[in-house]
């Protein structure tokens, strides 16, 4: 069982549907494999992609799968999702 799972959103940043699918798939996979930490890499940029990721994670049916979400300390281009 891996300690963390990482998903990089750089290849799909132009498509809203692909972003949503990538985040949801990674979250469901991490929860299913009982991974403690999911790293989502939206990149630094202007913060638009990070905002989309946080909005996706805030959906009530996804919120049940994790304990908390935070930005990586010292790296604003990475979102850390701590699972239950």
N, C-alpha and C. Protein backbone atom coordinates (compact mmCIF):
# COMPACT_ATOMS: atom_id res chain seq x y z
N UNK A 1 0.85 -1.18 0.00
CA UNK A 1 0.00 0.00 0.00
C UNK A 1 0.89 1.24 0.00
N UNK A 2 0.78 2.08 -1.00
CA UNK A 2 1.62 3.29 -1.06
C UNK A 2 1.17 4.33 -0.03
N UNK A 3 2.12 5.17 0.40
CA UNK A 3 1.81 6.23 1.37
C UNK A 3 1.06 7.37 0.73
N UNK A 4 1.37 7.64 -0.55
CA UNK A 4 0.71 8.75 -1.22
C UNK A 4 0.50 8.44 -2.69
N UNK A 5 -0.45 9.14 -3.25
CA UNK A 5 -0.78 9.04 -4.67
C UNK A 5 -0.69 10.45 -5.23
N UNK A 6 -0.09 10.60 -6.39
CA UNK A 6 0.11 11.92 -6.99
C UNK A 6 -0.58 11.99 -8.34
N UNK A 7 -1.27 13.11 -8.58
CA UNK A 7 -1.88 13.35 -9.89
C UNK A 7 -1.46 14.75 -10.36
N UNK A 8 -0.91 14.79 -11.56
CA UNK A 8 -0.45 16.05 -12.15
C UNK A 8 -1.49 16.51 -13.16
N UNK A 9 -1.99 17.72 -13.00
CA UNK A 9 -3.05 18.23 -13.87
C UNK A 9 -2.53 19.03 -15.06
N UNK A 10 -1.24 19.16 -15.20
CA UNK A 10 -0.69 19.92 -16.32
C UNK A 10 -1.15 19.41 -17.70
N UNK A 11 -1.21 18.09 -17.92
CA UNK A 11 -1.64 17.62 -19.25
C UNK A 11 -3.12 17.90 -19.58
N UNK A 12 -3.95 18.15 -18.59
CA UNK A 12 -5.39 18.29 -18.85
C UNK A 12 -5.93 19.67 -18.46
N UNK A 13 -5.07 20.64 -18.27
CA UNK A 13 -5.50 21.92 -17.70
C UNK A 13 -6.48 22.70 -18.57
N UNK A 14 -6.61 22.39 -19.83
CA UNK A 14 -7.50 23.15 -20.72
C UNK A 14 -8.95 22.66 -20.71
N UNK A 15 -9.17 21.45 -20.26
CA UNK A 15 -10.50 20.86 -20.33
C UNK A 15 -11.11 20.72 -18.93
N UNK A 16 -12.20 21.43 -18.71
CA UNK A 16 -12.90 21.38 -17.42
C UNK A 16 -13.33 19.95 -17.08
N UNK A 17 -13.84 19.25 -18.06
CA UNK A 17 -14.30 17.88 -17.84
C UNK A 17 -13.13 16.96 -17.48
N UNK A 18 -12.00 17.11 -18.16
CA UNK A 18 -10.84 16.27 -17.87
C UNK A 18 -10.26 16.56 -16.49
N UNK A 19 -10.29 17.82 -16.07
CA UNK A 19 -9.82 18.19 -14.74
C UNK A 19 -10.69 17.51 -13.69
N UNK A 20 -12.00 17.63 -13.85
CA UNK A 20 -12.94 17.02 -12.91
C UNK A 20 -12.75 15.51 -12.85
N UNK A 21 -12.65 14.89 -14.02
CA UNK A 21 -12.47 13.43 -14.06
C UNK A 21 -11.16 13.00 -13.41
N UNK A 22 -10.09 13.74 -13.66
CA UNK A 22 -8.78 13.39 -13.09
C UNK A 22 -8.80 13.49 -11.56
N UNK A 23 -9.39 14.55 -11.04
CA UNK A 23 -9.45 14.74 -9.59
C UNK A 23 -10.34 13.67 -8.95
N UNK A 24 -11.51 13.45 -9.51
CA UNK A 24 -12.44 12.46 -8.96
C UNK A 24 -11.85 11.05 -9.01
N UNK A 25 -11.27 10.69 -10.14
CA UNK A 25 -10.67 9.36 -10.30
C UNK A 25 -9.54 9.15 -9.29
N UNK A 26 -8.69 10.16 -9.14
CA UNK A 26 -7.58 10.04 -8.18
C UNK A 26 -8.10 9.93 -6.76
N UNK A 27 -9.11 10.70 -6.42
CA UNK A 27 -9.66 10.66 -5.07
C UNK A 27 -10.32 9.30 -4.77
N UNK A 28 -11.11 8.80 -5.71
CA UNK A 28 -11.74 7.49 -5.52
C UNK A 28 -10.69 6.37 -5.45
N UNK A 29 -9.65 6.48 -6.29
CA UNK A 29 -8.59 5.48 -6.26
C UNK A 29 -7.85 5.51 -4.94
N UNK A 30 -7.51 6.71 -4.46
CA UNK A 30 -6.79 6.83 -3.18
C UNK A 30 -7.64 6.30 -2.03
N UNK A 31 -8.93 6.60 -2.04
CA UNK A 31 -9.81 6.10 -0.98
C UNK A 31 -9.95 4.58 -1.06
N UNK A 32 -10.05 4.06 -2.26
CA UNK A 32 -10.19 2.61 -2.44
C UNK A 32 -8.95 1.85 -2.04
N UNK A 33 -7.79 2.43 -2.30
CA UNK A 33 -6.52 1.78 -1.96
C UNK A 33 -6.06 2.13 -0.55
N UNK A 34 -6.86 2.91 0.17
CA UNK A 34 -6.56 3.34 1.53
C UNK A 34 -5.21 4.06 1.64
N UNK A 35 -4.98 4.96 0.68
CA UNK A 35 -3.77 5.78 0.68
C UNK A 35 -4.00 6.95 1.65
N UNK A 36 -2.99 7.30 2.41
CA UNK A 36 -3.13 8.34 3.43
C UNK A 36 -3.14 9.75 2.85
N UNK A 37 -2.43 9.95 1.73
CA UNK A 37 -2.25 11.30 1.20
C UNK A 37 -2.38 11.30 -0.32
N UNK A 38 -3.17 12.23 -0.83
CA UNK A 38 -3.30 12.44 -2.27
C UNK A 38 -2.70 13.80 -2.59
N UNK A 39 -1.71 13.83 -3.48
CA UNK A 39 -1.10 15.08 -3.93
C UNK A 39 -1.68 15.43 -5.29
N UNK A 40 -2.26 16.60 -5.39
CA UNK A 40 -2.78 17.09 -6.66
C UNK A 40 -1.92 18.27 -7.05
N UNK A 41 -1.35 18.22 -8.26
CA UNK A 41 -0.43 19.26 -8.70
C UNK A 41 -1.11 20.10 -9.80
N UNK A 42 -1.71 21.23 -9.41
CA UNK A 42 -2.29 22.12 -10.42
C UNK A 42 -1.26 23.10 -10.96
N UNK A 43 -0.13 23.25 -10.30
CA UNK A 43 0.90 24.19 -10.71
C UNK A 43 0.70 25.54 -10.06
N UNK A 44 1.70 26.38 -10.14
CA UNK A 44 1.64 27.68 -9.47
C UNK A 44 0.79 28.65 -10.26
N UNK A 45 1.20 29.09 -11.40
CA UNK A 45 0.40 29.94 -12.28
C UNK A 45 -0.39 31.02 -11.57
N UNK A 46 -1.57 31.32 -12.11
CA UNK A 46 -2.41 32.38 -11.56
C UNK A 46 -3.33 31.89 -10.44
N UNK A 47 -3.42 30.60 -10.25
CA UNK A 47 -4.27 30.06 -9.19
C UNK A 47 -5.64 29.64 -9.66
N UNK A 48 -5.94 29.81 -10.94
CA UNK A 48 -7.25 29.45 -11.47
C UNK A 48 -7.49 27.94 -11.39
N UNK A 49 -6.51 27.17 -11.78
CA UNK A 49 -6.66 25.71 -11.75
C UNK A 49 -6.76 25.20 -10.32
N UNK A 50 -5.99 25.79 -9.41
CA UNK A 50 -6.07 25.42 -8.00
C UNK A 50 -7.47 25.70 -7.46
N UNK A 51 -8.04 26.83 -7.85
CA UNK A 51 -9.40 27.17 -7.41
C UNK A 51 -10.42 26.16 -7.92
N UNK A 52 -10.26 25.71 -9.15
CA UNK A 52 -11.16 24.69 -9.71
C UNK A 52 -11.04 23.39 -8.92
N UNK A 53 -9.80 23.01 -8.61
CA UNK A 53 -9.57 21.77 -7.85
C UNK A 53 -10.23 21.86 -6.48
N UNK A 54 -10.05 22.98 -5.80
CA UNK A 54 -10.65 23.15 -4.47
C UNK A 54 -12.18 23.14 -4.55
N UNK A 55 -12.75 23.69 -5.61
CA UNK A 55 -14.20 23.68 -5.79
C UNK A 55 -14.70 22.24 -6.02
N UNK A 56 -13.96 21.48 -6.78
CA UNK A 56 -14.34 20.07 -7.01
C UNK A 56 -14.29 19.31 -5.69
N UNK A 57 -13.23 19.51 -4.92
CA UNK A 57 -13.07 18.80 -3.66
C UNK A 57 -14.11 19.21 -2.61
N UNK A 58 -14.67 20.39 -2.75
CA UNK A 58 -15.65 20.88 -1.78
C UNK A 58 -17.05 20.29 -1.99
N UNK A 59 -17.26 19.54 -3.06
CA UNK A 59 -18.57 18.94 -3.30
C UNK A 59 -18.88 17.95 -2.17
N UNK A 60 -20.10 17.99 -1.64
CA UNK A 60 -20.44 17.18 -0.46
C UNK A 60 -20.18 15.68 -0.62
N UNK A 61 -20.46 15.11 -1.79
CA UNK A 61 -20.26 13.68 -1.96
C UNK A 61 -18.78 13.30 -2.00
N UNK A 62 -17.92 14.24 -2.36
CA UNK A 62 -16.47 13.97 -2.35
C UNK A 62 -15.88 14.32 -0.99
N UNK A 63 -16.47 15.27 -0.32
CA UNK A 63 -15.98 15.74 0.99
C UNK A 63 -15.97 14.60 2.01
N UNK A 64 -16.85 13.66 1.86
CA UNK A 64 -16.93 12.53 2.79
C UNK A 64 -15.72 11.60 2.72
N UNK A 65 -14.97 11.68 1.63
CA UNK A 65 -13.86 10.75 1.42
C UNK A 65 -12.55 11.18 2.09
N UNK A 66 -12.46 12.44 2.49
CA UNK A 66 -11.20 12.90 3.06
C UNK A 66 -11.42 13.70 4.33
N UNK A 67 -10.32 13.86 5.10
CA UNK A 67 -10.35 14.59 6.36
C UNK A 67 -10.14 16.07 6.16
N UNK A 68 -9.08 16.44 5.43
CA UNK A 68 -8.79 17.86 5.22
C UNK A 68 -7.98 18.07 3.95
N UNK A 69 -8.00 19.32 3.50
CA UNK A 69 -7.25 19.74 2.31
C UNK A 69 -6.38 20.92 2.71
N UNK A 70 -5.14 20.94 2.21
CA UNK A 70 -4.25 22.06 2.48
C UNK A 70 -3.30 22.27 1.32
N UNK A 71 -2.73 23.46 1.25
CA UNK A 71 -1.66 23.72 0.30
C UNK A 71 -0.39 23.17 0.90
N UNK A 72 0.48 22.65 0.07
CA UNK A 72 1.75 22.12 0.56
C UNK A 72 2.57 23.26 1.16
N UNK A 73 3.11 23.06 2.34
CA UNK A 73 3.93 24.12 2.95
C UNK A 73 5.13 24.44 2.06
N UNK A 74 5.26 25.70 1.70
CA UNK A 74 6.38 26.13 0.87
C UNK A 74 6.21 25.86 -0.61
N UNK A 75 5.07 25.31 -1.02
CA UNK A 75 4.85 25.02 -2.44
C UNK A 75 3.38 25.26 -2.77
N UNK A 76 3.07 26.45 -3.26
CA UNK A 76 1.68 26.78 -3.56
C UNK A 76 1.15 26.09 -4.80
N UNK A 77 1.96 25.35 -5.51
CA UNK A 77 1.53 24.64 -6.71
C UNK A 77 1.09 23.21 -6.45
N UNK A 78 0.89 22.87 -5.18
CA UNK A 78 0.52 21.50 -4.82
C UNK A 78 -0.57 21.54 -3.76
N UNK A 79 -1.62 20.76 -3.97
CA UNK A 79 -2.72 20.64 -3.01
C UNK A 79 -2.63 19.26 -2.38
N UNK A 80 -2.64 19.21 -1.05
CA UNK A 80 -2.56 17.95 -0.33
C UNK A 80 -3.93 17.59 0.23
N UNK A 81 -4.37 16.38 -0.05
CA UNK A 81 -5.66 15.89 0.44
C UNK A 81 -5.37 14.74 1.41
N UNK A 82 -5.70 14.94 2.66
CA UNK A 82 -5.49 13.92 3.69
C UNK A 82 -6.75 13.09 3.81
N UNK A 83 -6.60 11.80 3.51
CA UNK A 83 -7.76 10.91 3.52
C UNK A 83 -8.00 10.33 4.89
N UNK A 84 -9.18 9.79 5.07
CA UNK A 84 -9.60 9.23 6.37
C UNK A 84 -8.86 7.96 6.69
